[in-house]
Amino acid sequence: MRNTGAGKFSRASYNEDNDWGIQQVSSFVVSRGYEVIPKREEDYGIDIAAIKKGELVFLEAEVKVNYPWTCRDDFPFPTVSFLARKKKWDHVDFWYVVVCRETGAFVMCKSSEIFKEEYRTIKHINSKHRKGIDVTYNVPKDKCIFLWPKTLQSK
């Protein structure tokens, strides 16, 4: 298959959403009693490392726009799409957290559940920043955790 560039890193998309998404996920883990370990500089690795009572967790934040949701019931698809390019970190057990730009809701899944061959999908992407063929992992939404804004604010 010809590489069309849809799966490549988009600087424009990154600049538009990265800091906001990381802030949302960082605020969430802090509200759960974790301490975020600050990065010295952007290394384009996993976005967040946090620790609580000796437990170290890693989280990758991604922002989705143009299909708002607040919970599993109003999520507009039967599966949740995760970017295949994040598979490069599958040797690290991390939470992949997708944040809805419109509502602030989260959908999240462990990397060990996401990157399975049975979920691998090749699809056409036509978004503001990416166009062409891309590989994603489409995980059934019942295997994901949905947290909506009111849940995120509770302890």
C-alpha atoms as a PDB file:
ATOM      1  CA  MET A   1       0.000   0.000   0.000  1.00  0.00           C
ATOM      2  CA  ARG A   2       1.262   3.459  -0.872  1.00  0.00           C
ATOM      3  CA  ASN A   3       2.060   5.717   2.083  1.00  0.00           C
ATOM      4  CA  THR A   4      -0.138   8.784   1.725  1.00  0.00           C
ATOM      5  CA  GLY A   5       1.050  10.585   4.820  1.00  0.00           C
ATOM      6  CA  ALA A   6      -2.226  10.441   6.748  1.00  0.00           C
ATOM      7  CA  GLY A   7      -0.585   8.543   9.595  1.00  0.00           C
ATOM      8  CA  LYS A   8       2.275  10.978   9.958  1.00  0.00           C
ATOM      9  CA  PHE A   9       2.662  13.456  12.774  1.00  0.00           C
ATOM     10  CA  SER A  10       0.813  16.727  12.100  1.00  0.00           C
ATOM     11  CA  ARG A  11       2.577  19.740  13.615  1.00  0.00           C
ATOM     12  CA  ALA A  12      -0.517  21.931  13.051  1.00  0.00           C
ATOM     13  CA  SER A  13      -2.799  19.514  14.922  1.00  0.00           C
ATOM     14  CA  TYR A  14      -0.205  19.110  17.671  1.00  0.00           C
ATOM     15  CA  ASN A  15       0.115  22.874  18.115  1.00  0.00           C
ATOM     16  CA  GLU A  16      -3.652  23.306  18.211  1.00  0.00           C
ATOM     17  CA  ASP A  17      -4.532  20.636  20.773  1.00  0.00           C
ATOM     18  CA  ASN A  18      -1.555  19.028  22.516  1.00  0.00           C
ATOM     19  CA  ASP A  19      -1.101  21.333  25.501  1.00  0.00           C
ATOM     20  CA  TRP A  20      -4.848  21.540  26.148  1.00  0.00           C
ATOM     21  CA  GLY A  21      -5.244  17.752  26.068  1.00  0.00           C
ATOM     22  CA  ILE A  22      -2.279  17.163  28.361  1.00  0.00           C
ATOM     23  CA  GLN A  23      -3.627  19.780  30.784  1.00  0.00           C
ATOM     24  CA  GLN A  24      -7.034  18.072  30.898  1.00  0.00           C
ATOM     25  CA  VAL A  25      -5.540  14.633  31.591  1.00  0.00           C
ATOM     26  CA  SER A  26      -2.990  16.011  34.061  1.00  0.00           C
ATOM     27  CA  SER A  27      -5.737  17.796  36.014  1.00  0.00           C
ATOM     28  CA  PHE A  28      -7.708  14.563  36.125  1.00  0.00           C
ATOM     29  CA  VAL A  29      -4.851  12.460  37.550  1.00  0.00           C
ATOM     30  CA  VAL A  30      -3.991  15.173  40.076  1.00  0.00           C
ATOM     31  CA  SER A  31      -7.653  15.173  41.197  1.00  0.00           C
ATOM     32  CA  ARG A  32      -7.214  11.436  41.834  1.00  0.00           C
ATOM     33  CA  GLY A  33      -4.252  12.033  44.138  1.00  0.00           C
ATOM     34  CA  TYR A  34      -1.401  11.474  41.676  1.00  0.00           C
ATOM     35  CA  GLU A  35       1.570  13.775  41.349  1.00  0.00           C
ATOM     36  CA  VAL A  36       2.533  14.543  37.764  1.00  0.00           C
ATOM     37  CA  ILE A  37       6.249  14.151  37.153  1.00  0.00           C
ATOM     38  CA  PRO A  38       7.310  17.235  35.191  1.00  0.00           C
ATOM     39  CA  LYS A  39       9.167  16.851  31.909  1.00  0.00           C
ATOM     40  CA  ARG A  40      12.296  18.929  31.469  1.00  0.00           C
ATOM     41  CA  GLU A  41      11.506  19.431  27.797  1.00  0.00           C
ATOM     42  CA  GLU A  42       9.200  18.059  25.106  1.00  0.00           C
ATOM     43  CA  ASP A  43      10.583  14.684  24.070  1.00  0.00           C
ATOM     44  CA  TYR A  44       7.616  13.521  21.960  1.00  0.00           C
ATOM     45  CA  GLY A  45       7.384  10.482  24.185  1.00  0.00           C
ATOM     46  CA  ILE A  46       4.436   9.445  26.317  1.00  0.00           C
ATOM     47  CA  ASP A  47       2.791  12.658  27.486  1.00  0.00           C
ATOM     48  CA  ILE A  48       2.380  12.141  31.220  1.00  0.00           C
ATOM     49  CA  ALA A  49       4.082  10.164  33.976  1.00  0.00           C
ATOM     50  CA  ALA A  50       2.407  10.357  37.371  1.00  0.00           C
ATOM     51  CA  ILE A  51       2.972   8.691  40.716  1.00  0.00           C
ATOM     52  CA  LYS A  52       0.801   7.908  43.761  1.00  0.00           C
ATOM     53  CA  LYS A  53       1.928   5.845  46.744  1.00  0.00           C
ATOM     54  CA  GLY A  54       4.754   4.319  44.717  1.00  0.00           C
ATOM     55  CA  GLU A  55       2.505   3.438  41.757  1.00  0.00           C
ATOM     56  CA  LEU A  56       3.820   4.928  38.516  1.00  0.00           C
ATOM     57  CA  VAL A  57       1.339   5.392  35.675  1.00  0.00           C
ATOM     58  CA  PHE A  58       1.828   6.633  32.134  1.00  0.00           C
ATOM     59  CA  LEU A  59      -0.814   8.410  30.068  1.00  0.00           C
ATOM     60  CA  GLU A  60      -0.986   9.522  26.464  1.00  0.00           C
ATOM     61  CA  ALA A  61      -3.424  12.357  25.713  1.00  0.00           C
ATOM     62  CA  GLU A  62      -5.135  12.845  22.383  1.00  0.00           C
ATOM     63  CA  VAL A  63      -7.809  15.386  21.491  1.00  0.00           C
ATOM     64  CA  LYS A  64     -10.730  14.606  19.180  1.00  0.00           C
ATOM     65  CA  VAL A  65     -12.974  17.230  17.619  1.00  0.00           C
ATOM     66  CA  ASN A  66     -16.169  17.322  15.561  1.00  0.00           C
ATOM     67  CA  TYR A  67     -18.079  14.477  17.189  1.00  0.00           C
ATOM     68  CA  PRO A  68     -19.007  15.493  20.719  1.00  0.00           C
ATOM     69  CA  TRP A  69     -19.840  12.901  23.356  1.00  0.00           C
ATOM     70  CA  THR A  70     -20.310  12.829  27.123  1.00  0.00           C
ATOM     71  CA  CYS A  71     -20.607   9.088  27.806  1.00  0.00           C
ATOM     72  CA  ARG A  72     -20.620   5.608  26.244  1.00  0.00           C
ATOM     73  CA  ASP A  73     -24.296   5.939  25.293  1.00  0.00           C
ATOM     74  CA  ASP A  74     -23.852   9.050  23.161  1.00  0.00           C
ATOM     75  CA  PHE A  75     -20.434   8.136  21.732  1.00  0.00           C
ATOM     76  CA  PRO A  76     -21.219   8.141  17.992  1.00  0.00           C
ATOM     77  CA  PHE A  77     -19.338   4.977  16.988  1.00  0.00           C
ATOM     78  CA  PRO A  78     -19.328   1.293  18.026  1.00  0.00           C
ATOM     79  CA  THR A  79     -15.535   1.399  18.421  1.00  0.00           C
ATOM     80  CA  VAL A  80     -12.964   3.887  19.679  1.00  0.00           C
ATOM     81  CA  SER A  81     -10.189   4.674  17.222  1.00  0.00           C
ATOM     82  CA  PHE A  82      -6.623   4.880  18.545  1.00  0.00           C
ATOM     83  CA  LEU A  83      -3.676   5.983  16.396  1.00  0.00           C
ATOM     84  CA  ALA A  84      -1.393   3.176  15.266  1.00  0.00           C
ATOM     85  CA  ARG A  85       1.681   5.375  15.491  1.00  0.00           C
ATOM     86  CA  LYS A  86       1.370   5.238  19.296  1.00  0.00           C
ATOM     87  CA  LYS A  87       2.071   1.490  19.100  1.00  0.00           C
ATOM     88  CA  LYS A  88       5.770   2.389  19.202  1.00  0.00           C
ATOM     89  CA  TRP A  89       5.342   2.641  22.990  1.00  0.00           C
ATOM     90  CA  ASP A  90       3.457  -0.621  23.478  1.00  0.00           C
ATOM     91  CA  HIS A  91       6.391  -1.993  25.502  1.00  0.00           C
ATOM     92  CA  VAL A  92       5.245   0.469  28.201  1.00  0.00           C
ATOM     93  CA  ASP A  93       1.877  -0.163  29.809  1.00  0.00           C
ATOM     94  CA  PHE A  94       0.089   3.171  29.416  1.00  0.00           C
ATOM     95  CA  TRP A  95      -3.402   4.636  29.418  1.00  0.00           C
ATOM     96  CA  TYR A  96      -4.358   6.126  26.072  1.00  0.00           C
ATOM     97  CA  VAL A  97      -6.815   8.922  26.865  1.00  0.00           C
ATOM     98  CA  VAL A  98      -8.922  10.584  24.168  1.00  0.00           C
ATOM     99  CA  VAL A  99     -10.387  13.920  25.228  1.00  0.00           C
ATOM    100  CA  CYS A 100     -13.433  15.400  23.496  1.00  0.00           C
ATOM    101  CA  ARG A 101     -12.666  19.037  22.673  1.00  0.00           C
ATOM    102  CA  GLU A 102     -16.324  20.062  22.721  1.00  0.00           C
ATOM    103  CA  THR A 103     -17.359  18.507  26.063  1.00  0.00           C
ATOM    104  CA  GLY A 104     -14.129  17.654  27.886  1.00  0.00           C
ATOM    105  CA  ALA A 105     -15.283  14.028  28.233  1.00  0.00           C
ATOM    106  CA  PHE A 106     -12.692  11.236  28.256  1.00  0.00           C
ATOM    107  CA  VAL A 107     -12.579   7.783  26.759  1.00  0.00           C
ATOM    108  CA  MET A 108      -9.575   5.718  27.789  1.00  0.00           C
ATOM    109  CA  CYS A 109      -8.100   2.281  27.358  1.00  0.00           C
ATOM    110  CA  LYS A 110      -4.913   0.478  28.391  1.00  0.00           C
ATOM    111  CA  SER A 111      -2.326   0.080  25.657  1.00  0.00           C
ATOM    112  CA  SER A 112      -2.190  -3.660  26.359  1.00  0.00           C
ATOM    113  CA  GLU A 113      -5.841  -3.883  25.265  1.00  0.00           C
ATOM    114  CA  ILE A 114      -5.566  -1.554  22.252  1.00  0.00           C
ATOM    115  CA  PHE A 115      -2.724  -2.830  20.121  1.00  0.00           C
ATOM    116  CA  LYS A 116      -4.115  -6.208  19.148  1.00  0.00           C
ATOM    117  CA  GLU A 117      -4.156  -7.434  15.568  1.00  0.00           C
ATOM    118  CA  GLU A 118      -7.911  -8.073  15.748  1.00  0.00           C
ATOM    119  CA  TYR A 119      -8.477  -4.316  16.239  1.00  0.00           C
ATOM    120  CA  ARG A 120      -6.094  -3.146  13.497  1.00  0.00           C
ATOM    121  CA  THR A 121      -7.934  -1.260  10.741  1.00  0.00           C
ATOM    122  CA  ILE A 122      -6.861   0.501   7.580  1.00  0.00           C
ATOM    123  CA  LYS A 123      -9.071   3.460   6.788  1.00  0.00           C
ATOM    124  CA  HIS A 124      -9.320   6.676   4.847  1.00  0.00           C
ATOM    125  CA  ILE A 125      -8.743   9.844   6.878  1.00  0.00           C
ATOM    126  CA  ASN A 126     -10.068  13.212   5.775  1.00  0.00           C
ATOM    127  CA  SER A 127      -9.607  15.693   8.604  1.00  0.00           C
ATOM    128  CA  LYS A 128      -8.464  19.281   8.868  1.00  0.00           C
ATOM    129  CA  HIS A 129      -4.816  18.254   9.276  1.00  0.00           C
ATOM    130  CA  ARG A 130      -4.533  14.768   7.768  1.00  0.00           C
ATOM    131  CA  LYS A 131      -5.756  13.150   4.570  1.00  0.00           C
ATOM    132  CA  GLY A 132      -5.162   9.710   3.062  1.00  0.00           C
ATOM    133  CA  ILE A 133      -4.812   6.143   4.264  1.00  0.00           C
ATOM    134  CA  ASP A 134      -3.982   5.489   7.902  1.00  0.00           C
ATOM    135  CA  VAL A 135      -3.793   2.540  10.271  1.00  0.00           C
ATOM    136  CA  THR A 136      -5.777   2.711  13.497  1.00  0.00           C
ATOM    137  CA  TYR A 137      -6.768   0.308  16.218  1.00  0.00           C
ATOM    138  CA  ASN A 138     -10.550   0.301  16.652  1.00  0.00           C
ATOM    139  CA  VAL A 139     -11.404  -1.077  20.086  1.00  0.00           C
ATOM    140  CA  PRO A 140     -15.020  -1.948  20.931  1.00  0.00           C
ATOM    141  CA  LYS A 141     -16.309   0.814  23.148  1.00  0.00           C
ATOM    142  CA  ASP A 142     -17.392  -1.666  25.831  1.00  0.00           C
ATOM    143  CA  LYS A 143     -13.688  -2.381  26.431  1.00  0.00           C
ATOM    144  CA  CYS A 144     -13.007   1.314  27.115  1.00  0.00           C
ATOM    145  CA  ILE A 145     -13.651   3.520  30.125  1.00  0.00           C
ATOM    146  CA  PHE A 146     -15.784   6.611  29.555  1.00  0.00           C
ATOM    147  CA  LEU A 147     -15.620   9.537  31.959  1.00  0.00           C
ATOM    148  CA  TRP A 148     -17.744  12.595  31.377  1.00  0.00           C
ATOM    149  CA  PRO A 149     -17.226  16.051  32.846  1.00  0.00           C
ATOM    150  CA  LYS A 150     -19.372  15.614  35.971  1.00  0.00           C
ATOM    151  CA  THR A 151     -17.576  12.348  36.802  1.00  0.00           C
ATOM    152  CA  LEU A 152     -14.191  13.972  36.257  1.00  0.00           C
ATOM    153  CA  GLN A 153     -14.905  16.601  38.891  1.00  0.00           C
ATOM    154  CA  SER A 154     -15.867  14.136  41.618  1.00  0.00           C
ATOM    155  CA  LYS A 155     -13.317  12.467  43.853  1.00  0.00           C
END
